[in-house]
PDB file of all heavy atoms in Angstrom:
ATOM      1  N   SER A   1      10.371  -4.999  -1.966  1.00  0.00           N
ATOM      2  CA  SER A   1      10.095  -4.110  -3.085  1.00  0.00           C
ATOM      3  C   SER A   1       9.084  -4.781  -4.014  1.00  0.00           C
ATOM      4  O   SER A   1       9.044  -6.009  -4.122  1.00  0.00           O
ATOM      5  CB  SER A   1      11.370  -3.750  -3.860  1.00  0.00           C
ATOM      6  OG  SER A   1      11.885  -4.869  -4.552  1.00  0.00           O
ATOM      7  N   ILE A   2       8.277  -3.937  -4.666  1.00  0.00           N
ATOM      8  CA  ILE A   2       7.262  -4.413  -5.607  1.00  0.00           C
ATOM      9  C   ILE A   2       7.484  -3.690  -6.929  1.00  0.00           C
ATOM     10  O   ILE A   2       7.471  -2.459  -6.980  1.00  0.00           O
ATOM     11  CB  ILE A   2       5.843  -4.120  -5.090  1.00  0.00           C
ATOM     12  CG1 ILE A   2       5.641  -4.719  -3.690  1.00  0.00           C
ATOM     13  CG2 ILE A   2       4.806  -4.690  -6.050  1.00  0.00           C
ATOM     14  CD1 ILE A   2       4.332  -4.323  -3.033  1.00  0.00           C
ATOM     15  N   ASP A   3       7.711  -4.459  -8.006  1.00  0.00           N
ATOM     16  CA  ASP A   3       7.911  -3.834  -9.306  1.00  0.00           C
ATOM     17  C   ASP A   3       6.662  -3.085  -9.746  1.00  0.00           C
ATOM     18  O   ASP A   3       6.738  -1.932 -10.175  1.00  0.00           O
ATOM     19  CB  ASP A   3       8.284  -4.884 -10.364  1.00  0.00           C
ATOM     20  CG  ASP A   3       9.695  -5.410 -10.184  1.00  0.00           C
ATOM     21  OD1 ASP A   3      10.488  -4.768  -9.467  1.00  0.00           O
ATOM     22  OD2 ASP A   3      10.007  -6.470 -10.768  1.00  0.00           O
ATOM     23  N   LYS A   4       5.500  -3.735  -9.642  1.00  0.00           N
ATOM     24  CA  LYS A   4       4.247  -3.071  -9.991  1.00  0.00           C
ATOM     25  C   LYS A   4       3.142  -3.567  -9.077  1.00  0.00           C
ATOM     26  O   LYS A   4       2.923  -4.771  -8.947  1.00  0.00           O
ATOM     27  CB  LYS A   4       3.855  -3.328 -11.446  1.00  0.00           C
ATOM     28  CG  LYS A   4       2.579  -2.577 -11.851  1.00  0.00           C
ATOM     29  CD  LYS A   4       2.282  -2.704 -13.334  1.00  0.00           C
ATOM     30  CE  LYS A   4       1.038  -1.883 -13.701  1.00  0.00           C
ATOM     31  NZ  LYS A   4       0.733  -1.947 -15.150  1.00  0.00           N
ATOM     32  N   LEU A   5       2.455  -2.608  -8.444  1.00  0.00           N
ATOM     33  CA  LEU A   5       1.330  -2.915  -7.582  1.00  0.00           C
ATOM     34  C   LEU A   5       0.093  -2.247  -8.156  1.00  0.00           C
ATOM     35  O   LEU A   5       0.021  -1.022  -8.253  1.00  0.00           O
ATOM     36  CB  LEU A   5       1.586  -2.412  -6.164  1.00  0.00           C
ATOM     37  CG  LEU A   5       0.436  -2.551  -5.155  1.00  0.00           C
ATOM     38  CD1 LEU A   5       0.060  -4.011  -4.973  1.00  0.00           C
ATOM     39  CD2 LEU A   5       0.808  -1.914  -3.817  1.00  0.00           C
ATOM     40  N   GLU A   6      -0.900  -3.070  -8.561  1.00  0.00           N
ATOM     41  CA  GLU A   6      -2.126  -2.547  -9.148  1.00  0.00           C
ATOM     42  C   GLU A   6      -3.307  -2.984  -8.303  1.00  0.00           C
ATOM     43  O   GLU A   6      -3.525  -4.179  -8.085  1.00  0.00           O
ATOM     44  CB  GLU A   6      -2.296  -3.030 -10.584  1.00  0.00           C
ATOM     45  CG  GLU A   6      -3.533  -2.462 -11.268  1.00  0.00           C
ATOM     46  CD  GLU A   6      -3.603  -2.780 -12.747  1.00  0.00           C
ATOM     47  OE1 GLU A   6      -2.590  -3.283 -13.293  1.00  0.00           O
ATOM     48  OE2 GLU A   6      -4.656  -2.540 -13.363  1.00  0.00           O
ATOM     49  N   ILE A   7      -4.079  -2.004  -7.828  1.00  0.00           N
ATOM     50  CA  ILE A   7      -5.210  -2.269  -6.947  1.00  0.00           C
ATOM     51  C   ILE A   7      -6.467  -1.771  -7.644  1.00  0.00           C
ATOM     52  O   ILE A   7      -6.622  -0.571  -7.900  1.00  0.00           O
ATOM     53  CB  ILE A   7      -5.033  -1.560  -5.593  1.00  0.00           C
ATOM     54  CG1 ILE A   7      -3.702  -1.983  -4.955  1.00  0.00           C
ATOM     55  CG2 ILE A   7      -6.198  -1.880  -4.662  1.00  0.00           C
ATOM     56  CD1 ILE A   7      -3.246  -1.100  -3.821  1.00  0.00           C
ATOM     57  N   GLY A   8      -7.375  -2.697  -7.951  1.00  0.00           N
ATOM     58  CA  GLY A   8      -8.589  -2.337  -8.672  1.00  0.00           C
ATOM     59  C   GLY A   8      -9.647  -1.697  -7.813  1.00  0.00           C
ATOM     60  O   GLY A   8     -10.508  -0.952  -8.304  1.00  0.00           O
ATOM     61  N   GLY A   9      -9.625  -1.973  -6.490  1.00  0.00           N
ATOM     62  CA  GLY A   9     -10.617  -1.419  -5.583  1.00  0.00           C
ATOM     63  C   GLY A   9      -9.995  -0.467  -4.591  1.00  0.00           C
ATOM     64  O   GLY A   9      -9.159   0.375  -4.935  1.00  0.00           O
ATOM     65  N   ASP A  10     -10.381  -0.617  -3.318  1.00  0.00           N
ATOM     66  CA  ASP A  10      -9.947   0.288  -2.257  1.00  0.00           C
ATOM     67  C   ASP A  10      -8.983  -0.396  -1.296  1.00  0.00           C
ATOM     68  O   ASP A  10      -8.963  -1.622  -1.180  1.00  0.00           O
ATOM     69  CB  ASP A  10     -11.158   0.768  -1.447  1.00  0.00           C
ATOM     70  CG  ASP A  10     -12.179   1.520  -2.293  1.00  0.00           C
ATOM     71  OD1 ASP A  10     -11.769   2.140  -3.295  1.00  0.00           O
ATOM     72  OD2 ASP A  10     -13.374   1.474  -1.940  1.00  0.00           O
ATOM     73  N   LEU A  11      -8.225   0.434  -0.584  1.00  0.00           N
ATOM     74  CA  LEU A  11      -7.490   0.014   0.610  1.00  0.00           C
ATOM     75  C   LEU A  11      -8.265   0.558   1.800  1.00  0.00           C
ATOM     76  O   LEU A  11      -8.424   1.779   1.941  1.00  0.00           O
ATOM     77  CB  LEU A  11      -6.060   0.556   0.608  1.00  0.00           C
ATOM     78  CG  LEU A  11      -5.140   0.106  -0.515  1.00  0.00           C
ATOM     79  CD1 LEU A  11      -3.751   0.714  -0.335  1.00  0.00           C
ATOM     80  CD2 LEU A  11      -5.030  -1.409  -0.565  1.00  0.00           C
ATOM     81  N   ILE A  12      -8.751  -0.341   2.662  1.00  0.00           N
ATOM     82  CA  ILE A  12      -9.641   0.066   3.742  1.00  0.00           C
ATOM     83  C   ILE A  12      -9.107  -0.476   5.068  1.00  0.00           C
ATOM     84  O   ILE A  12      -8.885  -1.683   5.208  1.00  0.00           O
ATOM     85  CB  ILE A  12     -11.066  -0.469   3.513  1.00  0.00           C
ATOM     86  CG1 ILE A  12     -11.623   0.038   2.174  1.00  0.00           C
ATOM     87  CG2 ILE A  12     -11.981  -0.065   4.660  1.00  0.00           C
ATOM     88  CD1 ILE A  12     -12.928  -0.625   1.769  1.00  0.00           C
ATOM     89  N   THR A  13      -8.881   0.423   6.029  1.00  0.00           N
ATOM     90  CA  THR A  13      -8.549   0.005   7.389  1.00  0.00           C
ATOM     91  C   THR A  13      -9.615   0.551   8.328  1.00  0.00           C
ATOM     92  O   THR A  13     -10.017   1.707   8.229  1.00  0.00           O
ATOM     93  CB  THR A  13      -7.165   0.514   7.823  1.00  0.00           C
ATOM     94  OG1 THR A  13      -7.142   1.945   7.791  1.00  0.00           O
ATOM     95  CG2 THR A  13      -6.076  -0.024   6.894  1.00  0.00           C
ATOM     96  N   LYS A  14     -10.072  -0.295   9.259  1.00  0.00           N
ATOM     97  CA  LYS A  14     -11.142   0.105  10.181  1.00  0.00           C
ATOM     98  C   LYS A  14     -10.668   0.221  11.623  1.00  0.00           C
ATOM     99  O   LYS A  14     -11.393   0.750  12.477  1.00  0.00           O
ATOM    100  CB  LYS A  14     -12.297  -0.889  10.086  1.00  0.00           C
ATOM    101  CG  LYS A  14     -12.927  -0.942   8.693  1.00  0.00           C
ATOM    102  CD  LYS A  14     -14.097  -1.904   8.636  1.00  0.00           C
ATOM    103  CE  LYS A  14     -14.723  -1.928   7.248  1.00  0.00           C
ATOM    104  NZ  LYS A  14     -15.895  -2.840   7.157  1.00  0.00           N
ATOM    105  N   GLY A  15      -9.465  -0.290  11.921  1.00  0.00           N
ATOM    106  CA  GLY A  15      -8.961  -0.239  13.286  1.00  0.00           C
ATOM    107  C   GLY A  15      -8.269   1.072  13.615  1.00  0.00           C
ATOM    108  O   GLY A  15      -8.031   1.917  12.743  1.00  0.00           O
ATOM    109  N   ASP A  16      -7.914   1.242  14.887  1.00  0.00           N
ATOM    110  CA  ASP A  16      -7.215   2.437  15.353  1.00  0.00           C
ATOM    111  C   ASP A  16      -5.713   2.315  15.118  1.00  0.00           C
ATOM    112  O   ASP A  16      -5.125   1.238  15.262  1.00  0.00           O
ATOM    113  CB  ASP A  16      -7.460   2.637  16.853  1.00  0.00           C
ATOM    114  CG  ASP A  16      -8.900   3.007  17.157  1.00  0.00           C
ATOM    115  OD1 ASP A  16      -9.584   3.484  16.234  1.00  0.00           O
ATOM    116  OD2 ASP A  16      -9.328   2.791  18.302  1.00  0.00           O
ATOM    117  N   ASP A  17      -5.105   3.454  14.765  1.00  0.00           N
ATOM    118  CA  ASP A  17      -3.649   3.580  14.698  1.00  0.00           C
ATOM    119  C   ASP A  17      -3.009   2.568  13.747  1.00  0.00           C
ATOM    120  O   ASP A  17      -2.029   1.901  14.082  1.00  0.00           O
ATOM    121  CB  ASP A  17      -3.041   3.446  16.100  1.00  0.00           C
ATOM    122  CG  ASP A  17      -1.582   3.904  16.135  1.00  0.00           C
ATOM    123  OD1 ASP A  17      -1.183   4.715  15.284  1.00  0.00           O
ATOM    124  OD2 ASP A  17      -0.834   3.406  17.015  1.00  0.00           O
ATOM    125  N   VAL A  18      -3.587   2.428  12.569  1.00  0.00           N
ATOM    126  CA  VAL A  18      -3.001   1.596  11.518  1.00  0.00           C
ATOM    127  C   VAL A  18      -2.882   2.442  10.252  1.00  0.00           C
ATOM    128  O   VAL A  18      -3.289   3.594  10.213  1.00  0.00           O
ATOM    129  CB  VAL A  18      -3.835   0.320  11.265  1.00  0.00           C
ATOM    130  CG1 VAL A  18      -3.853  -0.564  12.489  1.00  0.00           C
ATOM    131  CG2 VAL A  18      -5.254   0.675  10.854  1.00  0.00           C
ATOM    132  N   VAL A  19      -2.304   1.842   9.199  1.00  0.00           N
ATOM    133  CA  VAL A  19      -2.004   2.589   7.975  1.00  0.00           C
ATOM    134  C   VAL A  19      -2.556   1.835   6.766  1.00  0.00           C
ATOM    135  O   VAL A  19      -2.455   0.607   6.693  1.00  0.00           O
ATOM    136  CB  VAL A  19      -0.479   2.787   7.812  1.00  0.00           C
ATOM    137  CG1 VAL A  19      -0.173   3.572   6.538  1.00  0.00           C
ATOM    138  CG2 VAL A  19       0.100   3.504   9.026  1.00  0.00           C
ATOM    139  N   GLY A  20      -3.115   2.565   5.834  1.00  0.00           N
ATOM    140  CA  GLY A  20      -3.607   1.951   4.609  1.00  0.00           C
ATOM    141  C   GLY A  20      -2.473   1.448   3.726  1.00  0.00           C
ATOM    142  O   GLY A  20      -2.432   0.269   3.350  1.00  0.00           O
ATOM    143  N   LEU A  21      -1.538   2.328   3.406  1.00  0.00           N
ATOM    144  CA  LEU A  21      -0.369   1.974   2.593  1.00  0.00           C
ATOM    145  C   LEU A  21       0.865   2.413   3.359  1.00  0.00           C
ATOM    146  O   LEU A  21       1.121   3.610   3.520  1.00  0.00           O
ATOM    147  CB  LEU A  21      -0.430   2.668   1.233  1.00  0.00           C
ATOM    148  CG  LEU A  21       0.733   2.387   0.284  1.00  0.00           C
ATOM    149  CD1 LEU A  21       0.764   0.922  -0.125  1.00  0.00           C
ATOM    150  CD2 LEU A  21       0.649   3.285  -0.952  1.00  0.00           C
ATOM    151  N   HIS A  22       1.638   1.455   3.841  1.00  0.00           N
ATOM    152  CA  HIS A  22       2.765   1.729   4.732  1.00  0.00           C
ATOM    153  C   HIS A  22       4.059   1.197   4.095  1.00  0.00           C
ATOM    154  O   HIS A  22       4.218  -0.015   3.935  1.00  0.00           O
ATOM    155  CB  HIS A  22       2.535   1.056   6.080  1.00  0.00           C
ATOM    156  CG  HIS A  22       3.459   1.542   7.147  1.00  0.00           C
ATOM    157  ND1 HIS A  22       3.348   1.135   8.465  1.00  0.00           N
ATOM    158  CD2 HIS A  22       4.512   2.416   7.117  1.00  0.00           C
ATOM    159  CE1 HIS A  22       4.282   1.724   9.190  1.00  0.00           C
ATOM    160  NE2 HIS A  22       5.007   2.488   8.386  1.00  0.00           N
ATOM    161  N   VAL A  23       4.940   2.110   3.717  1.00  0.00           N
ATOM    162  CA  VAL A  23       6.223   1.738   3.122  1.00  0.00           C
ATOM    163  C   VAL A  23       7.315   2.164   4.092  1.00  0.00           C
ATOM    164  O   VAL A  23       7.615   3.352   4.235  1.00  0.00           O
ATOM    165  CB  VAL A  23       6.426   2.405   1.744  1.00  0.00           C
ATOM    166  CG1 VAL A  23       7.738   1.929   1.125  1.00  0.00           C
ATOM    167  CG2 VAL A  23       5.255   2.094   0.816  1.00  0.00           C
ATOM    168  N   ASP A  24       7.902   1.196   4.777  1.00  0.00           N
ATOM    169  CA  ASP A  24       8.922   1.449   5.804  1.00  0.00           C
ATOM    170  C   ASP A  24      10.237   0.833   5.345  1.00  0.00           C
ATOM    171  O   ASP A  24      10.448  -0.367   5.481  1.00  0.00           O
ATOM    172  CB  ASP A  24       8.468   0.856   7.132  1.00  0.00           C
ATOM    173  CG  ASP A  24       9.436   1.134   8.267  1.00  0.00           C
ATOM    174  OD1 ASP A  24      10.477   1.781   8.026  1.00  0.00           O
ATOM    175  OD2 ASP A  24       9.161   0.692   9.401  1.00  0.00           O
ATOM    176  N   GLN A  25      11.086   1.638   4.736  1.00  0.00           N
ATOM    177  CA  GLN A  25      12.388   1.244   4.179  1.00  0.00           C
ATOM    178  C   GLN A  25      12.266   0.444   2.888  1.00  0.00           C
ATOM    179  O   GLN A  25      13.265   0.133   2.261  1.00  0.00           O
ATOM    180  CB  GLN A  25      13.209   0.432   5.186  1.00  0.00           C
ATOM    181  CG  GLN A  25      13.470   1.146   6.502  1.00  0.00           C
ATOM    182  CD  GLN A  25      14.348   0.337   7.425  1.00  0.00           C
ATOM    183  OE1 GLN A  25      15.506   0.080   7.115  1.00  0.00           O
ATOM    184  NE2 GLN A  25      13.797  -0.069   8.572  1.00  0.00           N
ATOM    185  N   GLY A  26      11.051   0.084   2.497  1.00  0.00           N
ATOM    186  CA  GLY A  26      10.846  -0.686   1.275  1.00  0.00           C
ATOM    187  C   GLY A  26      10.618   0.204   0.066  1.00  0.00           C
ATOM    188  O   GLY A  26      10.843   1.422   0.091  1.00  0.00           O
ATOM    189  N   GLN A  27      10.120  -0.412  -1.013  1.00  0.00           N
ATOM    190  CA  GLN A  27       9.974   0.327  -2.270  1.00  0.00           C
ATOM    191  C   GLN A  27       8.808  -0.227  -3.084  1.00  0.00           C
ATOM    192  O   GLN A  27       8.659  -1.436  -3.223  1.00  0.00           O
ATOM    193  CB  GLN A  27      11.272   0.229  -3.091  1.00  0.00           C
ATOM    194  CG  GLN A  27      11.240   0.994  -4.401  1.00  0.00           C
ATOM    195  CD  GLN A  27      12.523   0.831  -5.197  1.00  0.00           C
ATOM    196  OE1 GLN A  27      13.226  -0.172  -5.048  1.00  0.00           O
ATOM    197  NE2 GLN A  27      12.841   1.798  -6.033  1.00  0.00           N
ATOM    198  N   ILE A  28       7.983   0.676  -3.608  1.00  0.00           N
ATOM    199  CA  ILE A  28       6.993   0.338  -4.625  1.00  0.00           C
ATOM    200  C   ILE A  28       7.351   1.135  -5.871  1.00  0.00           C
ATOM    201  O   ILE A  28       7.253   2.361  -5.893  1.00  0.00           O
ATOM    202  CB  ILE A  28       5.559   0.684  -4.171  1.00  0.00           C
ATOM    203  CG1 ILE A  28       5.213  -0.058  -2.874  1.00  0.00           C
ATOM    204  CG2 ILE A  28       4.562   0.299  -5.266  1.00  0.00           C
ATOM    205  CD1 ILE A  28       3.865   0.320  -2.295  1.00  0.00           C
ATOM    206  N   LYS A  29       7.792   0.426  -6.909  1.00  0.00           N
ATOM    207  CA  LYS A  29       8.312   1.107  -8.090  1.00  0.00           C
ATOM    208  C   LYS A  29       7.216   1.685  -8.966  1.00  0.00           C
ATOM    209  O   LYS A  29       7.378   2.744  -9.576  1.00  0.00           O
ATOM    210  CB  LYS A  29       9.178   0.135  -8.899  1.00  0.00           C
ATOM    211  CG  LYS A  29      10.393  -0.373  -8.135  1.00  0.00           C
ATOM    212  CD  LYS A  29      11.185  -1.390  -8.945  1.00  0.00           C
ATOM    213  CE  LYS A  29      12.359  -1.938  -8.146  1.00  0.00           C
ATOM    214  NZ  LYS A  29      13.103  -2.973  -8.911  1.00  0.00           N
ATOM    215  N   ASP A  30       6.093   0.989  -9.058  1.00  0.00           N
ATOM    216  CA  ASP A  30       5.000   1.431  -9.921  1.00  0.00           C
ATOM    217  C   ASP A  30       3.687   1.090  -9.221  1.00  0.00           C
ATOM    218  O   ASP A  30       3.409  -0.069  -8.947  1.00  0.00           O
ATOM    219  CB  ASP A  30       5.089   0.742 -11.280  1.00  0.00           C
ATOM    220  CG  ASP A  30       4.045   1.237 -12.273  1.00  0.00           C
ATOM    221  OD1 ASP A  30       3.321   2.193 -11.946  1.00  0.00           O
ATOM    222  OD2 ASP A  30       3.958   0.665 -13.375  1.00  0.00           O
ATOM    223  N   LEU A  31       2.882   2.120  -8.909  1.00  0.00           N
ATOM    224  CA  LEU A  31       1.642   1.926  -8.174  1.00  0.00           C
ATOM    225  C   LEU A  31       0.466   2.423  -8.998  1.00  0.00           C
ATOM    226  O   LEU A  31       0.460   3.564  -9.474  1.00  0.00           O
ATOM    227  CB  LEU A  31       1.687   2.673  -6.839  1.00  0.00           C
ATOM    228  CG  LEU A  31       0.393   2.719  -6.027  1.00  0.00           C
ATOM    229  CD1 LEU A  31      -0.009   1.318  -5.591  1.00  0.00           C
ATOM    230  CD2 LEU A  31       0.544   3.641  -4.823  1.00  0.00           C
ATOM    231  N   VAL A  32      -0.540   1.562  -9.156  1.00  0.00           N
ATOM    232  CA  VAL A  32      -1.790   1.945  -9.805  1.00  0.00           C
ATOM    233  C   VAL A  32      -2.913   1.640  -8.818  1.00  0.00           C
ATOM    234  O   VAL A  32      -3.153   0.481  -8.477  1.00  0.00           O
ATOM    235  CB  VAL A  32      -2.017   1.179 -11.122  1.00  0.00           C
ATOM    236  CG1 VAL A  32      -3.369   1.557 -11.721  1.00  0.00           C
ATOM    237  CG2 VAL A  32      -0.888   1.461 -12.112  1.00  0.00           C
TER     238      VAL A  32
END
């Protein structure tokens, strides 16, 4: 879990069959 996640730029994936933001059973409480 992440209390606060702040990203000033981009989330970039270039490969096949992947995910930019992947939350699997976890938690992001505050996302910017």
